[in-house]
Protein backbone atom coordinates (compact mmCIF):
# COMPACT_ATOMS: atom_id res chain seq x y z
CA UNK A 1 -60.65 -49.03 34.06
CA UNK A 2 -60.53 -51.22 30.99
CA UNK A 3 -62.93 -53.31 28.92
CA UNK A 4 -63.13 -56.51 26.92
CA UNK A 5 -65.18 -57.10 23.76
CA UNK A 6 -65.80 -60.50 22.20
CA UNK A 7 -67.75 -61.21 19.01
CA UNK A 8 -69.09 -64.71 18.44
CA UNK A 9 -71.47 -66.28 15.95
CA UNK A 10 -73.65 -69.18 17.03
CA UNK A 11 -75.91 -71.44 15.04
CA UNK A 12 -79.15 -70.55 16.81
CA UNK A 13 -81.88 -67.98 16.31
CA UNK A 14 -81.71 -64.78 18.41
CA UNK A 15 -84.80 -65.87 20.36
CA UNK A 16 -83.03 -69.07 21.48
CA UNK A 17 -79.80 -67.22 22.33
CA UNK A 18 -81.71 -64.55 24.25
CA UNK A 19 -83.51 -67.23 26.31
CA UNK A 20 -80.20 -68.99 27.05
CA UNK A 21 -78.80 -65.70 28.35
CA UNK A 22 -81.74 -64.52 30.42
CA UNK A 23 -83.34 -67.56 32.04
CA UNK A 24 -82.01 -69.60 34.94
CA UNK A 25 -82.49 -72.79 32.92
CA UNK A 26 -80.55 -71.41 29.97
CA UNK A 27 -77.76 -69.91 32.07
CA UNK A 28 -77.33 -73.25 33.85
CA UNK A 29 -76.08 -74.78 30.58
CA UNK A 30 -73.24 -72.42 29.76
CA UNK A 31 -72.10 -70.05 32.51
CA UNK A 32 -68.58 -70.68 33.77
CA UNK A 33 -65.35 -71.20 31.85
CA UNK A 34 -64.71 -74.93 32.01
CA UNK A 35 -66.30 -77.58 29.77
CA UNK A 36 -67.87 -80.35 31.81
CA UNK A 37 -68.06 -78.33 35.01
CA UNK A 38 -71.53 -77.58 36.33
CA UNK A 39 -73.46 -74.48 37.15
CA UNK A 40 -74.44 -75.22 40.74
CA UNK A 41 -77.14 -72.57 41.05
CA UNK A 42 -78.70 -70.04 38.69
CA UNK A 43 -81.45 -67.51 39.17
CA UNK A 44 -82.52 -64.70 36.88
CA UNK A 45 -85.26 -62.07 36.78
CA UNK A 46 -84.59 -60.51 33.35
CA UNK A 47 -86.22 -57.10 33.60
CA UNK A 48 -84.77 -53.70 34.43
CA UNK A 49 -84.15 -53.78 38.19
CA UNK A 50 -84.35 -57.59 38.30
CA UNK A 51 -81.39 -59.54 39.60
CA UNK A 52 -79.37 -62.60 38.68
CA UNK A 53 -77.04 -64.86 40.61
CA UNK A 54 -74.94 -67.72 39.24
CA UNK A 55 -72.65 -70.13 41.10
CA UNK A 56 -70.41 -72.50 39.16
CA UNK A 57 -67.44 -74.82 39.67
CA UNK A 58 -64.14 -74.78 37.77
CA UNK A 59 -61.77 -77.67 36.94
CA UNK A 60 -59.70 -76.99 40.05
CA UNK A 61 -62.78 -77.66 42.22
CA UNK A 62 -63.19 -74.02 43.24
CA UNK A 63 -66.65 -72.48 43.37
CA UNK A 64 -67.28 -69.01 42.00
CA UNK A 65 -70.38 -66.85 42.14
CA UNK A 66 -71.32 -63.68 40.34
CA UNK A 67 -74.40 -61.57 40.73
CA UNK A 68 -75.85 -58.31 39.57
CA UNK A 69 -78.82 -56.40 38.30
CA UNK A 70 -80.38 -56.27 34.86
CA UNK A 71 -80.10 -52.63 33.81
CA UNK A 72 -81.63 -52.88 30.32
CA UNK A 73 -83.44 -55.75 28.64
CA UNK A 74 -84.61 -55.37 25.05
CA UNK A 75 -86.10 -58.72 24.01
CA UNK A 76 -84.09 -60.59 21.39
CA UNK A 77 -81.51 -57.81 20.87
CA UNK A 78 -79.83 -56.35 23.98
CA UNK A 79 -79.05 -57.14 27.61
CA UNK A 80 -77.14 -54.82 29.95
CA UNK A 81 -76.34 -55.84 33.51
CA UNK A 82 -74.09 -55.02 36.40
CA UNK A 83 -71.54 -57.68 37.39
CA UNK A 84 -69.83 -58.42 40.67
CA UNK A 85 -67.96 -61.42 42.06
CA UNK A 86 -69.58 -62.57 45.29
CA UNK A 87 -67.51 -65.75 45.72
CA UNK A 88 -64.23 -66.83 44.16
CA UNK A 89 -62.65 -64.26 41.82
CA UNK A 90 -61.09 -61.06 43.02
CA UNK A 91 -63.75 -58.44 43.64
CA UNK A 92 -62.61 -55.01 42.52
CA UNK A 93 -66.21 -53.82 42.58
CA UNK A 94 -69.07 -53.55 40.14
CA UNK A 95 -68.49 -53.75 36.41
CA UNK A 96 -70.88 -53.70 33.45
CA UNK A 97 -71.79 -56.37 30.89
CA UNK A 98 -73.50 -55.53 27.61
CA UNK A 99 -74.69 -58.19 25.18
CA UNK A 100 -76.01 -57.30 21.72
CA UNK A 101 -77.63 -59.99 19.56
CA UNK A 102 -77.91 -59.58 15.80
CA UNK A 103 -79.48 -62.05 13.39
CA UNK A 104 -77.13 -63.31 10.69
CA UNK A 105 -77.81 -65.94 8.00
CA UNK A 106 -76.21 -68.74 10.03
CA UNK A 107 -77.89 -67.80 13.34
CA UNK A 108 -76.89 -65.00 15.73
CA UNK A 109 -73.92 -62.72 16.11
CA UNK A 110 -73.21 -61.93 19.76
CA UNK A 111 -71.23 -58.82 20.63
CA UNK A 112 -70.27 -59.08 24.27
CA UNK A 113 -68.61 -56.24 26.17
CA UNK A 114 -67.47 -56.44 29.79
CA UNK A 115 -66.58 -52.87 30.79
CA UNK A 116 -65.30 -51.11 33.89
CA UNK A 117 -62.84 -53.89 34.69
CA UNK A 118 -60.20 -52.86 37.21
CA UNK A 119 -57.05 -53.41 35.11
CA UNK A 120 -55.40 -55.43 32.33
CA UNK A 121 -54.95 -58.45 34.60
CA UNK A 122 -58.69 -58.52 35.29
CA UNK A 123 -59.46 -58.04 31.58
CA UNK A 124 -57.17 -60.95 30.66
CA UNK A 125 -58.71 -63.22 33.32
CA UNK A 126 -62.26 -62.36 32.24
CA UNK A 127 -61.33 -62.87 28.58
CA UNK A 128 -60.35 -66.47 29.29
CA UNK A 129 -63.42 -67.07 31.41
CA UNK A 130 -65.90 -65.59 28.96
CA UNK A 131 -64.33 -67.37 25.98
CA UNK A 132 -64.74 -70.67 27.86
CA UNK A 133 -68.35 -69.81 28.67
CA UNK A 134 -69.10 -68.94 25.05
CA UNK A 135 -67.55 -72.24 23.94
CA UNK A 136 -70.03 -73.94 26.28
CA UNK A 137 -72.88 -71.78 24.90
CA UNK A 138 -72.02 -72.80 21.33
CA UNK A 139 -71.96 -76.47 22.31
CA UNK A 140 -75.28 -76.14 24.16
CA UNK A 141 -77.07 -74.34 21.33
CA UNK A 142 -75.51 -76.64 18.72
CA UNK A 143 -77.28 -75.68 15.52
CA UNK A 144 -80.71 -74.65 16.75
CA UNK A 145 -80.97 -72.03 13.98
């Protein structure tokens, strides 16, 4: 098993970033790797034991869906959830996503870790996907500090 960690800074308060990451409306604006491609469906119940499901389209026209359970939710600072592909991507099983939000003068620092990935190929693929999604998140939040 391997993991991926990304650190990004966005120009938005932690409360705004947290909402974008835990509500269906917020997720619908940024999930998925490709700019201009829509989230087709998003649902989220952000509490320990609550679930999420997100379906999105990529530039090649393929649809992908991931789902999981919220394992820990600490408002404004931390989200931990299970992750599994349910459509599209290769499904090597359940992995774990941890998101830590920290206020910084220009907005929020996001430390994102996707752990328990099957191998380096999976880590590399997820790295590209998550970087694209975080590019979309930055564009969506666009200076709401």
